[in-house]
Structures are given as structure tokens and as C-alpha cells.
Amino acid sequence: MAKTEKRRTTRTKRLTGDIAKAVRAALDKKAGDVVVLDLRHTPAFTDFFLLCSGQNARQVHAIADAVEDTLKAAKLRPAHIEGYDRAEWILMDYFTFIVHIFTPQTRAFYSLERLWGDAERIDVSDDPALDAGGAARP
């Protein structure tokens, strides 16, 4: 009898609200490997993780600044920001979602996608055909 494995779901779906604005802001600054982890069905402390990468400290800063500015315009401010000075991993806590912006090396080292393997993975395309909400069209 074959052993049943728990599989992580990967899908593309329409994101809405503030998480979609954060995704769009990151993509506008050319963030790479943009992924949203849906943590609502896990014992997590937040609903979503937005994970993305910048190629260097300057791009990591630019992505973080764009996310913060975009959400500030929507009257949403982070409860906490960590790692801005070093810019290897910037964490921005918005309560219902947390934005993680990494350099590629730091992202590979901490491997949050693997750590939160039970979460549903929502791949976000950086295709220009994205809707205004930040997710690929169905």
C-alpha cells in the first residue's frame, strides 16, 4: 500500500484588498519569486505571508519602501518593521499579513516556504496581464 503524502497546494487565485496592493507594489519594483502563503488553515499568527526577493540591498529597500508607501496611501501602517538597516531580510508586520523581503541567499537559508509547508501556496505571476488587484486573471 502506497504511503499517502501531504501535498502542498499551489494555485493562482485572485488576491484582493491590502495584500493585493502589497503584491502589486513589490512587483512594480521588480521583486522576484513572489509567493503568497495562505496561512488561514494553519495554526499561524497571521493570515498570509507575502514572500519576495530583491537582488541586492538597494532593491530590497526599494521594495520595502514601495510596499510601505502604497499601504500608507490606503491608510494602513505596519505594526512593526525589522531588518531594514541590514536589508538581507526585511519583515513588515501588518497584522493580517506579513511581508518578507529577502536577498536570494537569505531566502534560501531560512526557507520559509519549506518551514510553512502546510500552507497553501499562491504563486503570483509578474506578468503584465495582472489585474489591478495584483493576481493573475483566472
Protein backbone atom coordinates (compact mmCIF):
# COMPACT_ATOMS: atom_id res chain seq x y z
CA MET A 1 0.00 0.00 0.00
CA ALA A 2 1.40 3.35 -1.01
CA LYS A 3 2.17 5.86 1.67
CA THR A 4 -0.08 8.91 1.49
CA GLU A 5 1.86 12.14 1.35
CA LYS A 6 0.58 15.51 2.39
CA ARG A 7 0.88 17.76 -0.64
CA ARG A 8 1.18 21.49 -0.65
CA THR A 9 -1.39 23.10 -2.88
CA THR A 10 -0.07 25.51 -5.46
CA ARG A 11 -2.53 27.66 -7.32
CA THR A 12 -3.13 31.03 -8.77
CA LYS A 13 -6.11 32.92 -7.47
CA ARG A 14 -7.34 36.46 -7.32
CA LEU A 15 -5.96 38.34 -4.34
CA THR A 16 -7.90 41.28 -3.01
CA GLY A 17 -7.56 44.11 -0.56
CA ASP A 18 -4.37 45.20 1.13
CA ILE A 19 -2.42 42.01 0.40
CA ALA A 20 -3.07 42.57 -3.33
CA LYS A 21 -1.80 46.15 -3.03
CA ALA A 22 1.36 44.90 -1.33
CA VAL A 23 1.90 42.31 -4.07
CA ARG A 24 1.44 44.93 -6.79
CA ALA A 25 3.87 47.32 -5.06
CA ALA A 26 6.51 44.57 -4.82
CA LEU A 27 6.04 43.58 -8.46
CA ASP A 28 6.28 47.20 -9.54
CA LYS A 29 9.80 47.26 -8.04
CA LYS A 30 10.69 44.06 -9.92
CA ALA A 31 10.59 41.76 -6.88
CA GLY A 32 11.44 38.18 -7.81
CA ASP A 33 9.93 34.86 -6.74
CA VAL A 34 6.79 36.50 -5.38
CA VAL A 35 4.71 33.98 -3.43
CA VAL A 36 1.81 34.36 -1.04
CA LEU A 37 1.34 31.67 1.61
CA ASP A 38 -2.26 31.34 2.79
CA LEU A 39 -1.91 30.50 6.48
CA ARG A 40 -5.58 30.70 7.43
CA HIS A 41 -5.88 26.92 7.75
CA THR A 42 -2.71 26.52 9.81
CA PRO A 43 -2.00 27.32 13.45
CA ALA A 44 -0.33 30.58 12.41
CA PHE A 45 -0.48 34.00 13.98
CA THR A 46 -1.43 35.77 10.74
CA ASP A 47 -3.49 35.06 7.63
CA PHE A 48 -0.88 35.46 4.90
CA PHE A 49 2.85 35.70 4.28
CA LEU A 50 3.99 37.64 1.24
CA LEU A 51 7.46 36.41 0.29
CA CYS A 52 9.62 38.04 -2.35
CA SER A 53 13.24 38.66 -3.23
CA GLY A 54 15.36 41.59 -4.29
CA GLN A 55 18.72 41.03 -5.96
CA ASN A 56 20.65 43.30 -3.60
CA ALA A 57 20.21 45.53 -0.53
CA ARG A 58 19.26 48.51 -2.66
CA GLN A 59 16.43 46.64 -4.37
CA VAL A 60 15.27 45.10 -1.06
CA HIS A 61 15.00 48.64 0.34
CA ALA A 62 13.13 49.84 -2.76
CA ILE A 63 10.60 47.01 -2.49
CA ALA A 64 10.04 47.66 1.22
CA ASP A 65 9.63 51.40 0.64
CA ALA A 66 7.15 50.80 -2.19
CA VAL A 67 5.06 48.40 -0.10
CA GLU A 68 5.05 50.79 2.85
CA ASP A 69 4.18 53.84 0.71
CA THR A 70 1.43 52.01 -1.16
CA LEU A 71 -0.23 50.75 2.01
CA LYS A 72 0.25 54.08 3.78
CA ALA A 73 -1.76 55.67 0.94
CA ALA A 74 -4.50 53.16 1.81
CA LYS A 75 -4.25 54.31 5.46
CA LEU A 76 -2.52 51.12 6.62
CA ARG A 77 0.72 51.27 8.56
CA PRO A 78 2.86 48.36 9.70
CA ALA A 79 2.79 47.48 13.37
CA HIS A 80 6.48 46.68 13.17
CA ILE A 81 9.36 46.63 10.69
CA GLU A 82 12.52 44.60 11.27
CA GLY A 83 15.75 44.26 9.33
CA TYR A 84 15.59 47.49 7.34
CA ASP A 85 19.15 48.55 8.22
CA ARG A 86 20.80 45.32 7.06
CA ALA A 87 18.39 44.73 4.15
CA GLU A 88 19.02 40.99 3.96
CA TRP A 89 15.55 40.19 5.28
CA ILE A 90 13.01 42.94 5.89
CA LEU A 91 9.90 41.89 7.78
CA MET A 92 6.87 44.18 7.74
CA ASP A 93 4.03 43.18 10.09
CA TYR A 94 0.56 44.32 9.02
CA PHE A 95 -1.26 42.00 11.49
CA THR A 96 -3.38 40.09 8.95
CA PHE A 97 -0.38 39.59 6.69
CA ILE A 98 3.38 39.80 6.98
CA VAL A 99 5.64 40.91 4.16
CA HIS A 100 9.06 39.20 3.96
CA ILE A 101 11.56 40.73 1.54
CA PHE A 102 14.80 38.79 1.18
CA THR A 103 18.05 38.71 -0.68
CA PRO A 104 18.20 35.39 -2.57
CA GLN A 105 20.85 33.94 -0.25
CA THR A 106 18.94 34.78 2.91
CA ARG A 107 15.69 33.44 1.48
CA ALA A 108 17.35 30.14 0.59
CA PHE A 109 18.93 29.88 4.04
CA TYR A 110 15.72 30.43 6.04
CA SER A 111 13.45 28.65 3.54
CA LEU A 112 10.13 29.88 4.92
CA GLU A 113 8.25 28.11 2.12
CA ARG A 114 9.56 24.79 3.45
CA LEU A 115 9.07 25.75 7.09
CA TRP A 116 5.41 26.63 6.42
CA GLY A 117 4.94 23.67 4.06
CA ASP A 118 1.37 23.06 5.25
CA ALA A 119 0.27 26.44 3.95
CA GLU A 120 -1.45 26.84 0.63
CA ARG A 121 1.00 28.41 -1.81
CA ILE A 122 -0.32 31.08 -4.16
CA ASP A 123 2.12 31.77 -6.97
CA VAL A 124 1.93 35.33 -8.18
CA SER A 125 2.88 36.00 -11.76
CA ASP A 126 4.92 39.05 -12.65
CA ASP A 127 3.16 39.02 -16.00
CA PRO A 128 1.90 42.43 -17.18
CA ALA A 129 -1.53 40.81 -17.69
CA LEU A 130 -2.15 41.04 -13.96
CA ASP A 131 -5.33 42.70 -12.88
CA ALA A 132 -5.29 45.81 -10.73
CA GLY A 133 -5.73 43.66 -7.64
CA GLY A 134 -2.33 42.05 -8.05
CA ALA A 135 -3.17 38.49 -9.00
CA ALA A 136 -3.26 36.68 -12.26
CA ARG A 137 -6.55 36.64 -14.07
CA PRO A 138 -8.39 33.30 -13.88
